[in-house]
Every structure is written in C-alpha cells, then in structure tokens.
C-alpha cells in the first residue's frame, strides 16, 4: 500500500488509508488500531511516519489514545455531510503541510458546531498543477483554496486568479505581515498587497553527513575548492568502503527535478556576483561572466566527476534525492530544508536530537571565503481564489492554520523554519531544538528568486538550460546566450 516512489509523504499515505477505513465503516468507533510496532511491520516503514500519521488522526478527531492501551477509533458527532459548508482545495502531492489546514477545520468545527466545514481535496502531480488550476478557472470551477510556492504568487496575483488577503481583512493581514520574517512577508506581497498566507519557510543549501565529516576530520566546505577536495575524498574507494556510500554527491541537474533545479542552483550564481533577481531585466545577466564562471565550476562536478555521481541523476525527481542521503548512498546533497520530513521517513533517526547528530546543513560553497554566503528562499503559502464563493469562511480557516500556535506545532514536528519571527526566536533554543537552532539563523542569507510574471515558464526554460550545460556538456557561453535571447523573444524582456 505504501508507495516509496511517490512524492506523497509516507505518513500522509498512512493517514489517508486509515481515514478511508474509518469513513467507510471498515473500522468502527471503539475499534483498536494496531500498535506502532505492528504498523511498522505491516507496512514496512520506520516509526517516524507511523507516529506522525497517528498524531494527525488524533488531532483531527478520527482516533483517540489511552495511555498504555493504544489507539482507538473515535465516535464522531457532527452535521450530515450535505449540511456542512464545503471548501474545495486543489493541491499537488507534496502535502506535508496539509495537516495544518485539516487540523484548523477540526478546531473550527469544535468551536462552531452550527457552521461546520468539510474540506474536499483534489490532488494532482506538481507538473500538472498549474494546468489543472488554470483549466478549472477557465471553466468557472475554481477551487476555493490552493497552495502556492511563494515564487508563483506574483504570476497568479497579476493575472487576477487570487484575491488579496488584505482586501478581505485589512487589519488581520497587517498584523500578520508585521509578525512575519521580512523576507517572507516580501515573498507573499505583490504591489503592496498581501496575497497569500505562508505556512512554512525553507532555504536551500548543502546537506552533509555530520558524523562522517567528523570521523574523516573535514569541515563542511565553505568554498568551491574545498568542496571539490571533499568530493574527491568521498569518491576514494577506501573511503567508500569504510562509510558505505555509493556516490560522492548528488544535485538536481534538469527538467525532471522541476523548479528545484533553479531554486537549488541559483545561490551558486548569486555567490559569484550574478544579478538574477528583482525584475525581468535581470535575466540579461545570463550572459554575465559571473554566470559563466559558476557553470564552469559546476561542470567540474557534473562532467569531470561524472563517475562520482548517481548515473541516473538527470532522471531523478526532486522527491528522489532525499532518500540518497537518508540511506547513506551519498555523504552530501544539494537540497533544501523542506526535505527533512522525507529524509526522516527513509532513515532510522526518530527525533531532532538524533538527526542533528548525524546531519548538518550549510549554505552552498562559494567562490572564495570573501564571497558572501547565499541561500534561496522558498516556502508554501495558502491563497484564496477570486472565483471562490466562500472567501470569508476560507479566510477564517486559514487564520487558524496560520496562527503562531499552529506554526509552532507544525515547525517542531516537521523541523521547518517558521514564517513567524516570534516562533523562530523560540526555535533557536539549542537545548530544546538543536537542529532548528542550526538552520533558522541561515535565514539572514536568504534571497528571493525573481518575482516576475511568467516565472513558471521562465523556470522551465532555465531548467532546460541547466541540463544542457551541466549534464549534456553544451557550451556555457553559447547556451546561456541562446537562453537569454529565447526569454527575450518569448516574454518581451527589454
């Protein structure tokens, strides 16, 4: 039943499985669920996703727990389904943040028994998401709420797909914006209006096996030269035999990995001085010598050291990379902090303290120690569609999901950076949160990907450029020049 090759997190697959059994009556009120260990054996998974699934089922009222006795199916007293207010949600399959909105609806229904809400979700692949959303809008069948990578917000806001949050409740939106990390507030704001409500924040960088690095007597690489030396070290046959790694490093290199390719590799270009952010004119910078310098360096990894990399690396989806690190196949991975929940599902590290003993995360290497560290900002936000007929109730649900209390629970369970400054101050307590205390400070190095219209199409063009240059060996100067010309032709850049 568990599909390990799916981008859907294992815990969510388990959660949906038990919800279906309960809603179909296959599990009746009072029935006892198998123990955590029994479920681990039945589904062939570690304890982390099982524990998370049971926690979410309990928070949403599907089960209850008795100390020392186990988990039992709960009795539900609610309005008939046809008497509830239906909120329609379209989502792609990277849905670990879904728990926040589902728990918000459960809380709302407890507080407002006379105005209960049901969430109806439709799920599609990330590659299909934008096509499905735009088709539904064109048909007049838009969902009420959708998740947004912050880099998509300007595209949908300027096209009139989503409603400004401050147009629904100006005072609440102003208070929310004031409490957000400034760079996060900026990523959700278009032309001075808040258009989406952030759930979590993530940054890009270099994952590395802290325990292996310590044993080998090496530090996480700060510069390009240091990184090449460490790659060569972990490619040595004797070192590989000692640690058991198959490859020295992995990183996204093209179209299959999608937006991750651009998001994760932009900091290499930024650290070399490339100006690829801020406005459409910035893409003229593709022909800048700093861009050429960055690609020539990365080619030392992807072309000259091809035998050190997974041979199918260009065919891996973004969701496939974390398991390489979790299973010990690589000691380093170019990735994002959003990948931790998937790493945990594939590893034997049950909690934050164990994780921080085994793993580290740092900004990607830069040309020299004099260069400034740089990370790319990401994160998922909720947006309300203009066509929705339930703007007000949708916003009330999202207010609960975006609360400081919900954010604290979500971020500590998923080991994610919060969009709220007050939560992040608490997460930097190294005694209670050793892992989060190490990654939250890196937010000060964060930069935004270009917030321009047509970004999704632009990103696809850039992904193809990266694959041609870094994997297929095309000329750097020729390919970047042609890409800049293509972008100017397609999108009318000056």
Protein backbone atom coordinates (compact mmCIF):
# COMPACT_ATOMS: atom_id res chain seq x y z
CA UNK A 1 0.00 0.00 0.00
CA UNK A 2 2.90 2.40 0.74
CA UNK A 3 4.45 3.75 -2.46
CA UNK A 4 8.02 4.81 -1.72
CA UNK A 5 8.49 6.24 -5.22
CA UNK A 6 5.58 8.62 -4.79
CA UNK A 7 6.14 12.30 -3.91
CA UNK A 8 3.32 11.89 -1.38
CA UNK A 9 4.93 11.54 2.09
CA UNK A 10 4.61 8.09 3.64
CA UNK A 11 2.88 9.42 6.76
CA UNK A 12 0.19 11.05 4.61
CA UNK A 13 -0.37 7.85 2.68
CA UNK A 14 -0.93 6.09 6.02
CA UNK A 15 -3.19 8.89 7.30
CA UNK A 16 -5.39 8.70 4.19
CA UNK A 17 -5.52 4.90 4.41
CA UNK A 18 -6.96 4.94 7.94
CA UNK A 19 -9.31 7.84 7.19
CA UNK A 20 -10.77 5.84 4.32
CA UNK A 21 -11.21 2.77 6.53
CA UNK A 22 -12.93 4.81 9.25
CA UNK A 23 -15.15 6.78 6.88
CA UNK A 24 -16.18 3.59 5.04
CA UNK A 25 -17.05 1.89 8.33
CA UNK A 26 -14.37 -0.79 7.97
CA UNK A 27 -13.07 0.50 11.29
CA UNK A 28 -15.92 1.24 13.72
CA UNK A 29 -15.99 3.50 16.79
CA UNK A 30 -14.17 1.78 19.64
CA UNK A 31 -12.05 -0.46 17.40
CA UNK A 32 -8.44 -0.64 18.47
CA UNK A 33 -5.74 0.12 15.91
CA UNK A 34 -2.55 -1.99 15.75
CA UNK A 35 0.39 -0.75 17.80
CA UNK A 36 3.10 1.43 16.27
CA UNK A 37 5.45 -1.54 16.00
CA UNK A 38 2.74 -3.70 14.41
CA UNK A 39 2.03 -0.98 11.86
CA UNK A 40 5.73 -0.59 11.10
CA UNK A 41 5.94 -4.32 10.38
CA UNK A 42 2.70 -4.39 8.38
CA UNK A 43 3.66 -1.50 6.09
CA UNK A 44 7.44 -1.98 6.12
CA UNK A 45 8.19 1.55 7.31
CA UNK A 46 10.04 3.22 10.18
CA UNK A 47 8.33 4.51 13.32
CA UNK A 48 8.52 8.20 12.34
CA UNK A 49 5.79 8.18 9.62
CA UNK A 50 3.59 5.83 11.68
CA UNK A 51 3.82 8.07 14.73
CA UNK A 52 3.10 11.19 12.64
CA UNK A 53 0.06 9.55 10.98
CA UNK A 54 -1.43 8.54 14.34
CA UNK A 55 -0.78 12.02 15.76
CA UNK A 56 -2.58 13.69 12.86
CA UNK A 57 -5.51 11.25 13.07
CA UNK A 58 -5.87 12.07 16.76
CA UNK A 59 -5.70 15.84 16.17
CA UNK A 60 -8.40 15.62 13.53
CA UNK A 61 -10.68 13.59 15.79
CA UNK A 62 -10.54 10.27 13.93
CA UNK A 63 -8.93 8.37 16.80
CA UNK A 64 -8.18 8.83 20.49
CA UNK A 65 -5.38 7.43 22.59
CA UNK A 66 -5.35 5.79 26.00
CA UNK A 67 -2.04 5.64 27.85
CA UNK A 68 -0.79 2.08 27.99
CA UNK A 69 -3.72 0.74 25.98
CA UNK A 70 -3.32 2.05 22.44
CA UNK A 71 -5.23 3.99 19.80
CA UNK A 72 -8.98 3.61 19.22
CA UNK A 73 -11.44 4.82 16.59
CA UNK A 74 -13.41 7.80 17.91
CA UNK A 75 -17.14 8.42 17.73
CA UNK A 76 -17.91 11.49 15.63
CA UNK A 77 -20.89 13.73 16.36
CA UNK A 78 -21.30 16.20 13.54
CA UNK A 79 -23.71 17.55 10.99
CA UNK A 80 -24.55 15.37 7.96
CA UNK A 81 -22.08 15.97 5.12
CA UNK A 82 -24.68 17.72 2.94
CA UNK A 83 -25.33 20.29 5.68
CA UNK A 84 -21.69 21.33 6.01
CA UNK A 85 -20.00 24.21 4.22
CA UNK A 86 -17.76 22.66 1.58
CA UNK A 87 -14.35 24.20 0.93
CA UNK A 88 -12.69 22.89 -2.20
CA UNK A 89 -8.93 22.60 -2.30
CA UNK A 90 -6.69 21.74 -5.24
CA UNK A 91 -3.25 20.57 -4.23
CA UNK A 92 -0.22 18.89 -5.67
CA UNK A 93 1.16 15.81 -3.97
CA UNK A 94 3.81 17.48 -1.81
CA UNK A 95 1.29 17.87 1.01
CA UNK A 96 3.02 17.56 4.37
CA UNK A 97 1.66 20.99 5.27
CA UNK A 98 -1.93 19.75 4.68
CA UNK A 99 -2.18 18.77 8.34
CA UNK A 100 -2.29 22.42 9.40
CA UNK A 101 -5.44 23.20 7.43
CA UNK A 102 -7.13 19.90 8.31
CA UNK A 103 -6.48 20.48 11.99
CA UNK A 104 -7.73 24.07 11.62
CA UNK A 105 -11.00 22.74 10.20
CA UNK A 106 -11.33 20.25 13.05
CA UNK A 107 -10.83 23.07 15.57
CA UNK A 108 -13.28 25.32 13.70
CA UNK A 109 -15.94 22.59 13.77
CA UNK A 110 -15.48 22.18 17.52
CA UNK A 111 -15.83 25.93 18.08
CA UNK A 112 -18.68 26.40 15.59
CA UNK A 113 -20.91 23.28 15.68
CA UNK A 114 -23.67 25.21 13.92
CA UNK A 115 -21.40 26.19 10.98
CA UNK A 116 -19.32 23.12 10.29
CA UNK A 117 -16.91 22.86 7.38
CA UNK A 118 -15.83 19.97 5.20
CA UNK A 119 -12.62 20.08 3.17
CA UNK A 120 -12.88 18.45 -0.26
CA UNK A 121 -9.41 17.91 -1.71
CA UNK A 122 -8.37 17.11 -5.26
CA UNK A 123 -4.76 16.08 -5.73
CA UNK A 124 -2.62 16.10 -8.87
CA UNK A 125 1.07 15.93 -9.69
CA UNK A 126 3.17 19.07 -9.31
CA UNK A 127 3.84 19.10 -13.06
CA UNK A 128 0.08 19.09 -13.76
CA UNK A 129 -0.91 21.51 -11.01
CA UNK A 130 -0.82 24.79 -12.93
CA UNK A 131 -2.52 23.33 -15.98
CA UNK A 132 -5.32 21.82 -13.86
CA UNK A 133 -5.78 25.04 -11.87
CA UNK A 134 -5.96 27.27 -14.93
CA UNK A 135 -8.34 24.90 -16.70
CA UNK A 136 -10.70 24.89 -13.71
CA UNK A 137 -10.64 28.67 -13.52
CA UNK A 138 -11.40 28.89 -17.24
CA UNK A 139 -14.34 26.51 -16.72
CA UNK A 140 -15.66 28.55 -13.80
CA UNK A 141 -14.95 25.65 -11.43
CA UNK A 142 -12.05 27.11 -9.48
CA UNK A 143 -11.18 25.65 -6.08
CA UNK A 144 -11.55 27.88 -3.02
CA UNK A 145 -8.02 27.46 -1.67
CA UNK A 146 -4.73 26.43 -3.30
CA UNK A 147 -1.16 26.03 -2.04
CA UNK A 148 1.39 28.38 -3.59
CA UNK A 149 5.16 28.17 -3.75
CA UNK A 150 5.94 31.79 -2.92
CA UNK A 151 7.61 32.27 -6.30
CA UNK A 152 4.27 31.63 -8.06
CA UNK A 153 2.33 34.31 -6.19
CA UNK A 154 3.09 37.27 -8.43
CA UNK A 155 2.10 35.30 -11.52
CA UNK A 156 -1.33 34.44 -10.14
CA UNK A 157 -1.87 37.79 -8.45
CA UNK A 158 -1.18 39.87 -11.55
CA UNK A 159 -3.38 37.54 -13.63
CA UNK A 160 -6.29 38.05 -11.22
CA UNK A 161 -6.58 34.43 -10.11
CA UNK A 162 -6.19 35.06 -6.37
CA UNK A 163 -7.73 37.61 -4.05
CA UNK A 164 -5.59 39.94 -1.88
CA UNK A 165 -5.83 38.87 1.74
CA UNK A 166 -5.80 42.48 2.92
CA UNK A 167 -8.88 43.06 0.78
CA UNK A 168 -10.76 40.53 2.92
CA UNK A 169 -9.48 41.65 6.32
CA UNK A 170 -7.07 44.57 6.22
CA UNK A 171 -6.41 44.70 9.96
CA UNK A 172 -5.62 40.99 10.34
CA UNK A 173 -3.45 41.00 7.21
CA UNK A 174 -1.46 43.98 8.54
CA UNK A 175 -0.90 42.23 11.89
CA UNK A 176 0.17 39.04 10.13
CA UNK A 177 2.62 40.85 7.85
CA UNK A 178 4.14 42.72 10.79
CA UNK A 179 4.88 39.45 12.58
CA UNK A 180 6.40 37.66 9.60
CA UNK A 181 10.08 37.45 8.82
CA UNK A 182 10.63 40.47 6.50
CA UNK A 183 11.86 38.40 3.55
CA UNK A 184 8.87 36.06 3.94
CA UNK A 185 6.43 38.99 4.00
CA UNK A 186 8.09 40.32 0.86
CA UNK A 187 7.72 36.97 -0.92
CA UNK A 188 3.95 36.96 -0.28
CA UNK A 189 3.34 40.60 -1.22
CA UNK A 190 2.62 42.00 -4.68
CA UNK A 191 2.31 45.73 -5.36
CA UNK A 192 1.95 46.42 -1.64
CA UNK A 193 -0.82 43.86 -1.05
CA UNK A 194 -0.56 40.58 0.87
CA UNK A 195 -1.84 37.89 -1.49
CA UNK A 196 -1.04 34.66 0.36
CA UNK A 197 -0.64 33.29 3.87
CA UNK A 198 2.66 31.44 4.50
CA UNK A 199 2.63 28.04 6.20
CA UNK A 200 6.36 27.38 6.42
CA UNK A 201 9.64 28.75 5.17
CA UNK A 202 12.60 26.87 3.75
CA UNK A 203 16.06 27.63 2.46
CA UNK A 204 18.46 25.87 0.13
CA UNK A 205 21.97 24.67 0.81
CA UNK A 206 24.27 21.70 1.28
CA UNK A 207 23.14 18.72 3.36
CA UNK A 208 26.07 16.71 4.70
CA UNK A 209 26.68 13.75 6.99
CA UNK A 210 27.98 15.50 10.08
CA UNK A 211 29.06 12.23 11.69
CA UNK A 212 31.04 11.11 8.62
CA UNK A 213 32.68 14.52 8.23
CA UNK A 214 33.75 14.46 11.89
CA UNK A 215 35.20 10.98 11.57
CA UNK A 216 37.03 11.97 8.38
CA UNK A 217 38.34 15.14 10.03
CA UNK A 218 36.83 17.53 7.46
CA UNK A 219 34.63 20.59 7.86
CA UNK A 220 31.65 21.45 5.68
CA UNK A 221 33.05 23.20 2.59
CA UNK A 222 32.84 26.98 2.51
CA UNK A 223 34.50 27.44 -0.91
CA UNK A 224 34.36 25.79 -4.31
CA UNK A 225 37.91 24.44 -4.00
CA UNK A 226 37.18 22.95 -0.59
CA UNK A 227 34.06 21.25 -1.94
CA UNK A 228 35.93 19.65 -4.84
CA UNK A 229 38.53 18.28 -2.39
CA UNK A 230 35.81 16.77 -0.19
CA UNK A 231 34.02 15.29 -3.20
CA UNK A 232 37.29 13.65 -4.25
CA UNK A 233 37.81 12.39 -0.69
CA UNK A 234 34.44 10.64 -0.51
CA UNK A 235 34.94 9.22 -4.01
CA UNK A 236 38.09 7.40 -2.90
CA UNK A 237 37.44 3.61 -2.99
CA UNK A 238 38.84 3.07 0.51
CA UNK A 239 36.71 5.85 1.96
CA UNK A 240 33.63 4.49 0.20
CA UNK A 241 34.33 1.03 1.56
CA UNK A 242 34.61 2.49 5.06
CA UNK A 243 31.43 4.58 5.07
CA UNK A 244 29.40 2.51 2.61
CA UNK A 245 28.45 5.41 0.32
CA UNK A 246 27.92 4.62 -3.37
CA UNK A 247 28.47 8.15 -4.65
CA UNK A 248 30.24 11.32 -3.50
CA UNK A 249 27.45 13.85 -4.00
CA UNK A 250 24.10 14.43 -5.73
CA UNK A 251 22.36 17.53 -7.06
CA UNK A 252 19.47 18.30 -9.43
CA UNK A 253 20.54 18.93 -13.00
CA UNK A 254 17.49 19.37 -15.15
CA UNK A 255 13.86 19.18 -16.16
CA UNK A 256 12.80 16.09 -14.20
CA UNK A 257 13.64 17.79 -10.88
CA UNK A 258 11.49 20.76 -11.91
CA UNK A 259 11.70 24.09 -10.11
CA UNK A 260 14.11 22.54 -7.57
CA UNK A 261 16.82 22.74 -10.22
CA UNK A 262 16.60 26.53 -10.43
CA UNK A 263 15.86 27.08 -6.74
CA UNK A 264 18.83 25.00 -5.55
CA UNK A 265 21.43 26.15 -8.06
CA UNK A 266 20.73 29.90 -8.12
CA UNK A 267 22.84 30.51 -4.96
CA UNK A 268 25.95 29.30 -6.84
CA UNK A 269 25.35 32.06 -9.38
CA UNK A 270 24.43 34.68 -6.78
CA UNK A 271 27.55 33.99 -4.71
CA UNK A 272 29.68 34.63 -7.80
CA UNK A 273 28.02 38.03 -8.26
CA UNK A 274 25.30 37.25 -10.80
CA UNK A 275 22.33 39.63 -10.69
CA UNK A 276 19.44 37.28 -11.42
CA UNK A 277 16.68 38.62 -9.22
CA UNK A 278 14.30 41.50 -8.88
CA UNK A 279 12.89 42.14 -12.34
CA UNK A 280 12.57 40.77 -15.84
CA UNK A 281 15.62 42.78 -16.96
CA UNK A 282 17.70 40.72 -14.55
CA UNK A 283 17.71 37.77 -16.99
CA UNK A 284 20.01 39.77 -19.24
CA UNK A 285 22.57 38.76 -16.62
CA UNK A 286 22.66 35.22 -18.02
CA UNK A 287 25.43 36.36 -20.33
CA UNK A 288 27.43 37.87 -17.46
CA UNK A 289 30.93 36.38 -16.82
CA UNK A 290 29.87 35.53 -13.24
CA UNK A 291 27.20 33.16 -14.60
CA UNK A 292 29.73 31.55 -16.92
CA UNK A 293 32.16 31.20 -14.01
CA UNK A 294 29.53 29.44 -11.87
CA UNK A 295 28.54 27.00 -14.60
CA UNK A 296 32.17 26.21 -15.42
CA UNK A 297 32.72 25.37 -11.76
CA UNK A 298 29.60 23.18 -11.54
CA UNK A 299 30.74 21.34 -14.66
CA UNK A 300 33.82 20.26 -12.72
CA UNK A 301 31.37 18.31 -10.58
CA UNK A 302 28.80 17.14 -13.12
CA UNK A 303 31.07 16.48 -16.13
CA UNK A 304 34.63 15.92 -14.92
CA UNK A 305 33.48 13.90 -11.90
CA UNK A 306 30.52 12.16 -13.56
CA UNK A 307 31.63 8.75 -12.25
CA UNK A 308 31.29 10.07 -8.67
CA UNK A 309 27.59 10.84 -9.16
CA UNK A 310 24.45 8.68 -9.41
CA UNK A 311 24.39 7.63 -13.09
CA UNK A 312 20.65 8.34 -13.36
CA UNK A 313 20.86 11.73 -11.62
CA UNK A 314 19.27 13.63 -14.53
CA UNK A 315 16.28 11.28 -14.35
CA UNK A 316 15.56 11.79 -10.65
CA UNK A 317 12.56 13.77 -9.44
CA UNK A 318 13.07 16.26 -6.62
CA UNK A 319 11.49 13.76 -4.19
CA UNK A 320 14.05 11.04 -5.03
CA UNK A 321 17.12 12.95 -3.83
CA UNK A 322 16.47 12.94 -0.04
CA UNK A 323 16.44 9.14 0.14
CA UNK A 324 20.01 9.06 -1.22
CA UNK A 325 21.15 10.89 1.91
CA UNK A 326 18.82 9.05 4.29
CA UNK A 327 20.05 5.64 3.09
CA UNK A 328 23.72 6.60 3.26
CA UNK A 329 24.26 6.43 -0.51
CA UNK A 330 25.78 9.93 -0.54
CA UNK A 331 27.54 12.00 2.14
CA UNK A 332 26.41 15.30 0.58
CA UNK A 333 23.35 16.58 -1.22
CA UNK A 334 22.41 19.95 -2.70
CA UNK A 335 18.89 20.37 -1.34
CA UNK A 336 16.54 22.35 0.85
CA UNK A 337 15.48 22.28 4.48
CA UNK A 338 11.99 21.26 3.27
CA UNK A 339 13.44 17.79 2.59
CA UNK A 340 13.89 16.81 6.22
CA UNK A 341 10.47 15.09 6.68
CA UNK A 342 11.21 12.81 3.72
CA UNK A 343 14.74 12.13 4.96
CA UNK A 344 13.31 11.15 8.33
CA UNK A 345 10.80 8.77 6.76
CA UNK A 346 13.59 6.94 4.95
CA UNK A 347 16.06 6.89 7.85
CA UNK A 348 16.24 5.42 11.34
CA UNK A 349 16.55 8.84 13.04
CA UNK A 350 13.43 9.27 15.11
CA UNK A 351 13.89 12.69 16.64
CA UNK A 352 15.56 16.05 16.24
CA UNK A 353 18.48 15.28 18.53
CA UNK A 354 19.39 12.11 16.64
CA UNK A 355 19.11 13.94 13.37
CA UNK A 356 21.35 16.82 14.39
CA UNK A 357 24.00 14.30 15.48
CA UNK A 358 24.05 12.72 12.02
CA UNK A 359 23.24 15.58 9.63
CA UNK A 360 24.36 19.12 9.03
CA UNK A 361 23.21 21.87 6.68
CA UNK A 362 25.13 24.88 5.40
CA UNK A 363 24.97 27.41 2.55
CA UNK A 364 26.31 26.08 -0.73
CA UNK A 365 30.04 26.59 -1.31
CA UNK A 366 31.01 29.94 -2.80
CA UNK A 367 33.93 31.08 -5.00
CA UNK A 368 36.08 32.19 -2.05
CA UNK A 369 35.85 32.84 1.65
CA UNK A 370 35.48 36.53 0.81
CA UNK A 371 32.20 35.86 -1.01
CA UNK A 372 29.00 36.24 0.99
CA UNK A 373 27.06 33.08 1.90
CA UNK A 374 23.78 32.90 0.00
CA UNK A 375 20.67 30.74 0.21
CA UNK A 376 17.46 30.77 -1.82
CA UNK A 377 14.18 31.33 -0.01
CA UNK A 378 11.22 29.03 -0.55
CA UNK A 379 8.05 28.13 1.25
CA UNK A 380 4.42 27.14 0.86
CA UNK A 381 1.59 29.63 1.26
CA UNK A 382 -2.20 29.40 1.05
CA UNK A 383 -4.07 31.55 -1.45
CA UNK A 384 -7.81 32.11 -1.90
CA UNK A 385 -9.18 32.07 -5.43
CA UNK A 386 -11.05 35.11 -6.76
CA UNK A 387 -13.82 32.86 -8.12
CA UNK A 388 -14.49 31.27 -4.71
CA UNK A 389 -17.93 31.88 -3.22
CA UNK A 390 -16.70 31.28 0.33
CA UNK A 391 -13.98 33.92 0.74
CA UNK A 392 -14.85 34.76 4.33
CA UNK A 393 -15.06 31.25 5.79
CA UNK A 394 -11.95 30.22 3.83
CA UNK A 395 -10.04 33.10 5.40
CA UNK A 396 -11.29 32.20 8.90
CA UNK A 397 -9.97 28.65 8.44
CA UNK A 398 -6.63 29.96 7.16
CA UNK A 399 -6.36 32.36 10.10
CA UNK A 400 -6.40 29.33 12.41
CA UNK A 401 -3.94 27.42 10.23
CA UNK A 402 -1.60 30.43 10.15
CA UNK A 403 -1.68 31.09 13.89
CA UNK A 404 1.51 31.21 15.92
CA UNK A 405 0.40 28.17 17.95
CA UNK A 406 -0.24 26.06 14.85
CA UNK A 407 3.04 27.22 13.32
CA UNK A 408 4.98 26.20 16.42
CA UNK A 409 3.49 22.70 16.36
CA UNK A 410 3.97 22.28 12.62
CA UNK A 411 7.56 23.52 12.59
CA UNK A 412 8.73 21.48 15.58
CA UNK A 413 7.13 18.30 14.22
CA UNK A 414 8.39 18.80 10.66
CA UNK A 415 11.66 20.52 11.68
CA UNK A 416 10.91 23.51 9.44
CA UNK A 417 11.62 27.22 9.71
CA UNK A 418 8.56 29.24 10.64
CA UNK A 419 7.41 32.33 8.73
CA UNK A 420 6.74 33.98 12.12
CA UNK A 421 9.60 35.85 13.82
CA UNK A 422 8.30 35.09 17.32
CA UNK A 423 8.22 31.34 16.60
CA UNK A 424 11.71 31.37 15.10
CA UNK A 425 13.09 33.09 18.20
CA UNK A 426 11.82 30.16 20.25
CA UNK A 427 13.07 27.58 17.74
CA UNK A 428 16.63 28.86 18.19
CA UNK A 429 16.84 27.38 21.68
CA UNK A 430 19.68 24.89 21.09
CA UNK A 431 18.83 22.84 24.19
CA UNK A 432 15.29 22.10 23.02
CA UNK A 433 15.76 22.34 19.26
CA UNK A 434 19.38 21.55 18.26
CA UNK A 435 18.59 21.10 14.57
CA UNK A 436 16.30 24.09 14.19
CA UNK A 437 18.74 26.26 16.13
CA UNK A 438 21.33 25.47 13.46
CA UNK A 439 19.21 26.29 10.39
CA UNK A 440 16.99 29.21 11.46
CA UNK A 441 19.96 31.66 11.62
CA UNK A 442 20.73 30.90 7.96
CA UNK A 443 17.55 32.78 7.04
CA UNK A 444 19.57 36.00 7.19
CA UNK A 445 21.36 34.92 4.00
CA UNK A 446 18.12 34.32 2.08
CA UNK A 447 17.38 35.88 -1.30
CA UNK A 448 14.22 35.72 -3.37
CA UNK A 449 14.02 34.10 -6.75
CA UNK A 450 12.85 36.62 -9.36
CA UNK A 451 9.26 37.63 -8.55
CA UNK A 452 8.18 38.19 -12.13
CA UNK A 453 5.14 37.32 -14.18
CA UNK A 454 5.51 34.15 -16.27
CA UNK A 455 8.02 32.78 -13.77
CA UNK A 456 6.80 29.21 -14.22
CA UNK A 457 7.51 29.29 -17.95
CA UNK A 458 10.80 31.09 -17.38
CA UNK A 459 11.85 28.41 -14.89
CA UNK A 460 11.19 25.65 -17.42
CA UNK A 461 13.46 27.38 -19.94
CA UNK A 462 16.17 27.73 -17.29
CA UNK A 463 15.86 24.09 -16.23
CA UNK A 464 16.48 23.01 -19.80
CA UNK A 465 19.49 25.33 -19.98
CA UNK A 466 20.96 23.80 -16.83
CA UNK A 467 20.50 20.25 -18.12
CA UNK A 468 22.16 21.08 -21.44
CA UNK A 469 25.14 22.79 -19.80
CA UNK A 470 25.70 20.62 -16.73
CA UNK A 471 24.67 17.18 -17.95
CA UNK A 472 24.84 17.15 -21.73
CA UNK A 473 28.03 19.21 -21.98
CA UNK A 474 26.74 22.03 -24.19
CA UNK A 475 28.83 25.21 -24.43
CA UNK A 476 28.27 27.54 -21.50
CA UNK A 477 28.58 30.80 -23.44
CA UNK A 478 26.56 29.64 -26.41
CA UNK A 479 23.76 28.08 -24.35
CA UNK A 480 23.34 30.95 -21.90
CA UNK A 481 23.33 33.44 -24.79
CA UNK A 482 20.64 31.49 -26.64
CA UNK A 483 18.60 31.14 -23.46
CA UNK A 484 18.71 34.89 -22.83
CA UNK A 485 17.61 35.53 -26.42
CA UNK A 486 14.79 32.97 -26.11
CA UNK A 487 13.49 34.55 -22.90
CA UNK A 488 13.54 37.99 -24.52
CA UNK A 489 11.64 36.63 -27.52
CA UNK A 490 9.05 34.68 -25.52
CA UNK A 491 8.34 37.18 -22.79
CA UNK A 492 9.24 40.50 -24.33
CA UNK A 493 12.11 41.32 -21.98
CA UNK A 494 13.78 44.63 -22.79
